[in-house]
C-alpha atoms as a PDB file:
ATOM      1  CA  MET A   1       0.000   0.000   0.000  1.00  0.00           C
ATOM      2  CA  ARG A   2       2.749   2.407   0.985  1.00  0.00           C
ATOM      3  CA  SER A   3       4.757   1.770  -2.180  1.00  0.00           C
ATOM      4  CA  THR A   4       1.634   2.245  -4.326  1.00  0.00           C
ATOM      5  CA  VAL A   5       0.928   5.653  -2.773  1.00  0.00           C
ATOM      6  CA  PHE A   6       4.584   6.649  -3.100  1.00  0.00           C
ATOM      7  CA  GLY A   7       4.591   5.555  -6.767  1.00  0.00           C
ATOM      8  CA  CYS A   8       1.445   7.565  -7.484  1.00  0.00           C
ATOM      9  CA  VAL A   9       2.978  10.637  -5.868  1.00  0.00           C
ATOM     10  CA  LEU A  10       6.120  10.241  -8.012  1.00  0.00           C
ATOM     11  CA  VAL A  11       4.054   9.861 -11.173  1.00  0.00           C
ATOM     12  CA  ALA A  12       1.932  12.891 -10.309  1.00  0.00           C
ATOM     13  CA  PHE A  13       5.015  14.955  -9.474  1.00  0.00           C
ATOM     14  CA  GLY A  14       6.685  13.871 -12.733  1.00  0.00           C
ATOM     15  CA  LEU A  15       3.665  14.928 -14.780  1.00  0.00           C
ATOM     16  CA  ILE A  16       3.505  18.295 -13.080  1.00  0.00           C
ATOM     17  CA  SER A  17       7.213  19.015 -13.291  1.00  0.00           C
ATOM     18  CA  CYS A  18       7.559  18.173 -16.994  1.00  0.00           C
ATOM     19  CA  ALA A  19       4.468  19.991 -18.149  1.00  0.00           C
ATOM     20  CA  SER A  20       3.962  23.519 -19.367  1.00  0.00           C
ATOM     21  CA  PRO A  21       0.764  25.505 -19.761  1.00  0.00           C
ATOM     22  CA  SER A  22       1.748  26.460 -23.314  1.00  0.00           C
ATOM     23  CA  VAL A  23      -0.421  24.475 -25.684  1.00  0.00           C
ATOM     24  CA  ALA A  24      -1.145  25.971 -29.060  1.00  0.00           C
ATOM     25  CA  PRO A  25       0.700  24.310 -31.943  1.00  0.00           C
ATOM     26  CA  ALA A  26       2.516  26.737 -34.202  1.00  0.00           C
ATOM     27  CA  GLN A  27       1.473  25.076 -37.415  1.00  0.00           C
ATOM     28  CA  VAL A  28      -1.721  23.057 -37.646  1.00  0.00           C
ATOM     29  CA  ALA A  29      -2.301  20.502 -40.359  1.00  0.00           C
ATOM     30  CA  ALA A  30      -3.536  22.100 -43.576  1.00  0.00           C
ATOM     31  CA  ILE A  31      -6.066  19.303 -44.165  1.00  0.00           C
ATOM     32  CA  PRO A  32      -8.155  17.391 -41.645  1.00  0.00           C
ATOM     33  CA  SER A  33      -6.612  14.258 -40.179  1.00  0.00           C
ATOM     34  CA  ALA A  34      -7.752  11.406 -37.973  1.00  0.00           C
ATOM     35  CA  THR A  35      -5.614  12.786 -35.129  1.00  0.00           C
ATOM     36  CA  PRO A  36      -7.388  15.543 -33.224  1.00  0.00           C
ATOM     37  CA  ALA A  37      -5.552  18.823 -32.728  1.00  0.00           C
ATOM     38  CA  PRO A  38      -4.515  19.737 -29.179  1.00  0.00           C
ATOM     39  CA  THR A  39      -7.080  21.664 -27.222  1.00  0.00           C
ATOM     40  CA  PRO A  40      -6.229  24.848 -25.292  1.00  0.00           C
ATOM     41  CA  THR A  41      -6.404  22.882 -22.034  1.00  0.00           C
ATOM     42  CA  GLU A  42      -4.056  20.084 -23.142  1.00  0.00           C
ATOM     43  CA  VAL A  43      -0.681  20.172 -21.414  1.00  0.00           C
ATOM     44  CA  LEU A  44       2.414  19.567 -23.540  1.00  0.00           C
ATOM     45  CA  PRO A  45       5.842  18.516 -22.215  1.00  0.00           C
ATOM     46  CA  ALA A  46       8.066  21.396 -21.086  1.00  0.00           C
ATOM     47  CA  CYS A  47      10.868  20.158 -23.335  1.00  0.00           C
ATOM     48  CA  PHE A  48       8.489  20.753 -26.254  1.00  0.00           C
ATOM     49  CA  THR A  49       7.415  24.251 -25.275  1.00  0.00           C
ATOM     50  CA  GLU A  50      10.616  25.729 -23.810  1.00  0.00           C
ATOM     51  CA  VAL A  51      11.563  27.333 -27.137  1.00  0.00           C
ATOM     52  CA  PRO A  52       8.888  29.692 -28.509  1.00  0.00           C
ATOM     53  CA  ALA A  53       7.230  28.592 -31.723  1.00  0.00           C
ATOM     54  CA  LEU A  54       7.193  30.710 -34.871  1.00  0.00           C
ATOM     55  CA  PRO A  55       3.888  31.980 -36.218  1.00  0.00           C
ATOM     56  CA  PRO A  56       2.438  29.937 -39.113  1.00  0.00           C
ATOM     57  CA  GLN A  57       4.795  29.980 -42.091  1.00  0.00           C
ATOM     58  CA  PRO A  58       3.228  30.583 -45.542  1.00  0.00           C
ATOM     59  CA  GLU A  59       5.612  28.122 -47.245  1.00  0.00           C
ATOM     60  CA  LEU A  60       4.226  25.322 -45.055  1.00  0.00           C
ATOM     61  CA  ALA A  61       0.544  26.197 -45.466  1.00  0.00           C
ATOM     62  CA  ALA A  62      -0.172  23.631 -48.216  1.00  0.00           C
ATOM     63  CA  ILE A  63       1.826  20.819 -46.579  1.00  0.00           C
ATOM     64  CA  PRO A  64      -0.203  18.584 -44.264  1.00  0.00           C
ATOM     65  CA  LEU A  65       1.613  18.547 -40.929  1.00  0.00           C
ATOM     66  CA  PRO A  66       0.686  16.502 -37.853  1.00  0.00           C
ATOM     67  CA  PRO A  67      -1.555  18.571 -35.548  1.00  0.00           C
ATOM     68  CA  THR A  68       1.035  18.793 -32.752  1.00  0.00           C
ATOM     69  CA  THR A  69       3.762  20.204 -35.030  1.00  0.00           C
ATOM     70  CA  ARG A  70       5.610  23.222 -33.616  1.00  0.00           C
ATOM     71  CA  ILE A  71       7.943  25.076 -35.980  1.00  0.00           C
ATOM     72  CA  LYS A  72      10.693  26.738 -33.959  1.00  0.00           C
ATOM     73  CA  GLY A  73      13.222  27.919 -36.511  1.00  0.00           C
ATOM     74  CA  ARG A  74      13.571  29.013 -40.122  1.00  0.00           C
ATOM     75  CA  PHE A  75      16.858  29.205 -42.002  1.00  0.00           C
ATOM     76  CA  GLU A  76      17.433  30.435 -45.519  1.00  0.00           C
ATOM     77  CA  LYS A  77      20.112  31.911 -47.728  1.00  0.00           C
ATOM     78  CA  ASP A  78      19.802  33.762 -51.024  1.00  0.00           C
ATOM     79  CA  THR A  79      19.874  30.412 -52.826  1.00  0.00           C
ATOM     80  CA  GLY A  80      19.203  26.846 -51.808  1.00  0.00           C
ATOM     81  CA  PRO A  81      16.398  25.359 -49.756  1.00  0.00           C
ATOM     82  CA  ILE A  82      14.457  26.999 -46.965  1.00  0.00           C
ATOM     83  CA  THR A  83      14.910  24.876 -43.844  1.00  0.00           C
ATOM     84  CA  PHE A  84      12.373  24.717 -41.042  1.00  0.00           C
ATOM     85  CA  ILE A  85      13.110  22.990 -37.741  1.00  0.00           C
ATOM     86  CA  GLY A  86      10.717  22.026 -35.035  1.00  0.00           C
ATOM     87  CA  GLY A  87       9.166  19.100 -33.268  1.00  0.00           C
ATOM     88  CA  VAL A  88       6.148  16.838 -33.293  1.00  0.00           C
ATOM     89  CA  ILE A  89       4.701  14.819 -30.436  1.00  0.00           C
ATOM     90  CA  GLY A  90       4.972  11.138 -31.348  1.00  0.00           C
ATOM     91  CA  ASP A  91       7.517   8.658 -32.621  1.00  0.00           C
ATOM     92  CA  PRO A  92       9.229   8.935 -36.033  1.00  0.00           C
ATOM     93  CA  ASP A  93       7.429   5.899 -37.496  1.00  0.00           C
ATOM     94  CA  ALA A  94       3.973   7.262 -36.667  1.00  0.00           C
ATOM     95  CA  ILE A  95       4.864  10.713 -38.001  1.00  0.00           C
ATOM     96  CA  ALA A  96       6.316   9.236 -41.214  1.00  0.00           C
ATOM     97  CA  ALA A  97       3.112   7.200 -41.612  1.00  0.00           C
ATOM     98  CA  PHE A  98       1.143  10.462 -41.219  1.00  0.00           C
ATOM     99  CA  PHE A  99       3.158  12.050 -44.046  1.00  0.00           C
ATOM    100  CA  GLU A 100       2.891   8.953 -46.247  1.00  0.00           C
ATOM    101  CA  SER A 101      -0.896   8.859 -45.925  1.00  0.00           C
ATOM    102  CA  ASN A 102      -1.714  12.608 -45.899  1.00  0.00           C
ATOM    103  CA  LEU A 103       0.689  14.019 -48.494  1.00  0.00           C
ATOM    104  CA  PRO A 104      -0.865  12.152 -51.463  1.00  0.00           C
ATOM    105  CA  VAL A 105      -4.346  13.300 -50.378  1.00  0.00           C
ATOM    106  CA  ALA A 106      -3.063  16.901 -50.587  1.00  0.00           C
ATOM    107  CA  GLY A 107      -1.730  16.331 -54.127  1.00  0.00           C
ATOM    108  CA  PHE A 108       1.919  15.589 -53.300  1.00  0.00           C
ATOM    109  CA  SER A 109       3.770  12.557 -54.636  1.00  0.00           C
ATOM    110  CA  ILE A 110       6.130  10.687 -52.347  1.00  0.00           C
ATOM    111  CA  ASP A 111       9.348  10.119 -54.274  1.00  0.00           C
ATOM    112  CA  TYR A 112      11.336   8.417 -51.504  1.00  0.00           C
ATOM    113  CA  ALA A 113      10.749   7.282 -47.941  1.00  0.00           C
ATOM    114  CA  ASP A 114      13.073   5.365 -45.625  1.00  0.00           C
ATOM    115  CA  SER A 115      12.931   4.608 -41.924  1.00  0.00           C
ATOM    116  CA  GLU A 116      15.377   3.177 -39.435  1.00  0.00           C
ATOM    117  CA  PRO A 117      14.830   2.804 -35.697  1.00  0.00           C
ATOM    118  CA  GLY A 118      14.358   6.325 -34.310  1.00  0.00           C
ATOM    119  CA  GLU A 119      14.751   8.078 -37.676  1.00  0.00           C
ATOM    120  CA  SER A 120      12.867   8.663 -40.922  1.00  0.00           C
ATOM    121  CA  ASP A 121      13.535  10.523 -44.171  1.00  0.00           C
ATOM    122  CA  GLY A 122      11.290  11.303 -47.080  1.00  0.00           C
ATOM    123  CA  ILE A 123      11.329  13.280 -50.301  1.00  0.00           C
ATOM    124  CA  PHE A 124       8.080  14.475 -51.823  1.00  0.00           C
ATOM    125  CA  SER A 125       7.081  16.818 -54.619  1.00  0.00           C
ATOM    126  CA  LYS A 126       4.233  18.781 -56.139  1.00  0.00           C
ATOM    127  CA  ASP A 127       4.061  20.869 -59.301  1.00  0.00           C
ATOM    128  CA  GLY A 128       7.797  20.495 -59.966  1.00  0.00           C
ATOM    129  CA  GLN A 129       8.841  21.646 -56.487  1.00  0.00           C
ATOM    130  CA  SER A 130      10.572  19.194 -54.142  1.00  0.00           C
ATOM    131  CA  PHE A 131      10.472  18.920 -50.377  1.00  0.00           C
ATOM    132  CA  ARG A 132      12.146  16.764 -47.744  1.00  0.00           C
ATOM    133  CA  TRP A 133      11.287  15.667 -44.216  1.00  0.00           C
ATOM    134  CA  HIS A 134      13.808  14.347 -41.722  1.00  0.00           C
ATOM    135  CA  LEU A 135      12.630  12.973 -38.365  1.00  0.00           C
ATOM    136  CA  VAL A 136      14.795  11.975 -35.397  1.00  0.00           C
ATOM    137  CA  ALA A 137      13.668  10.639 -32.003  1.00  0.00           C
ATOM    138  CA  GLN A 138      14.878  12.759 -29.084  1.00  0.00           C
ATOM    139  CA  THR A 139      16.553  11.116 -26.098  1.00  0.00           C
ATOM    140  CA  HIS A 140      16.236  14.214 -23.885  1.00  0.00           C
ATOM    141  CA  CYS A 141      12.509  14.536 -24.653  1.00  0.00           C
ATOM    142  CA  PRO A 142      11.220  11.092 -25.626  1.00  0.00           C
ATOM    143  CA  GLU A 143       7.639  12.243 -26.295  1.00  0.00           C
ATOM    144  CA  VAL A 144       8.863  14.507 -29.097  1.00  0.00           C
ATOM    145  CA  THR A 145      10.438  13.828 -32.477  1.00  0.00           C
ATOM    146  CA  ALA A 146      12.641  16.488 -34.039  1.00  0.00           C
ATOM    147  CA  LEU A 147      11.421  17.602 -37.465  1.00  0.00           C
ATOM    148  CA  GLN A 148      13.453  19.185 -40.218  1.00  0.00           C
ATOM    149  CA  MET A 149      11.536  20.237 -43.319  1.00  0.00           C
ATOM    150  CA  LEU A 150      13.402  21.440 -46.415  1.00  0.00           C
ATOM    151  CA  ILE A 151      11.603  23.276 -49.180  1.00  0.00           C
ATOM    152  CA  ASN A 152      13.537  23.632 -52.413  1.00  0.00           C
ATOM    153  CA  ARG A 153      12.802  26.912 -54.085  1.00  0.00           C
ATOM    154  CA  GLU A 154      10.892  26.799 -57.332  1.00  0.00           C
ATOM    155  CA  GLU A 155      13.082  27.399 -60.351  1.00  0.00           C
END
């Protein structure tokens, strides 16, 4: 009995200490998905919300992203791809499966997809423009997968 109460206290303390009141995803999926979007009362892990998210990015508007996607950085030079970094709650395999099922519905073709334990890569295209996702499981924040999205500029 005593160990059960102690275990419950530890679990409750762990949930409180790793949570943050910040909830709104920075970029919500452009098309409906089977996964519901987070509600304003849902608590996300602190490791996911400690870096502020960017406002919605117009270059990502047509790309279906998992509902819990948070875009945290944007990098670009005068030439070459625009790179977005962020995170998604879930494991790389589930997120890759989301892309593989939702991108074709949005008119994209998947040109390449490969997964290894804890990592996934994919190349997709639409109207002559190519894109790439790269997903990596995070050891410091196991609920979250790091996302890198590259958008090659139209020529």
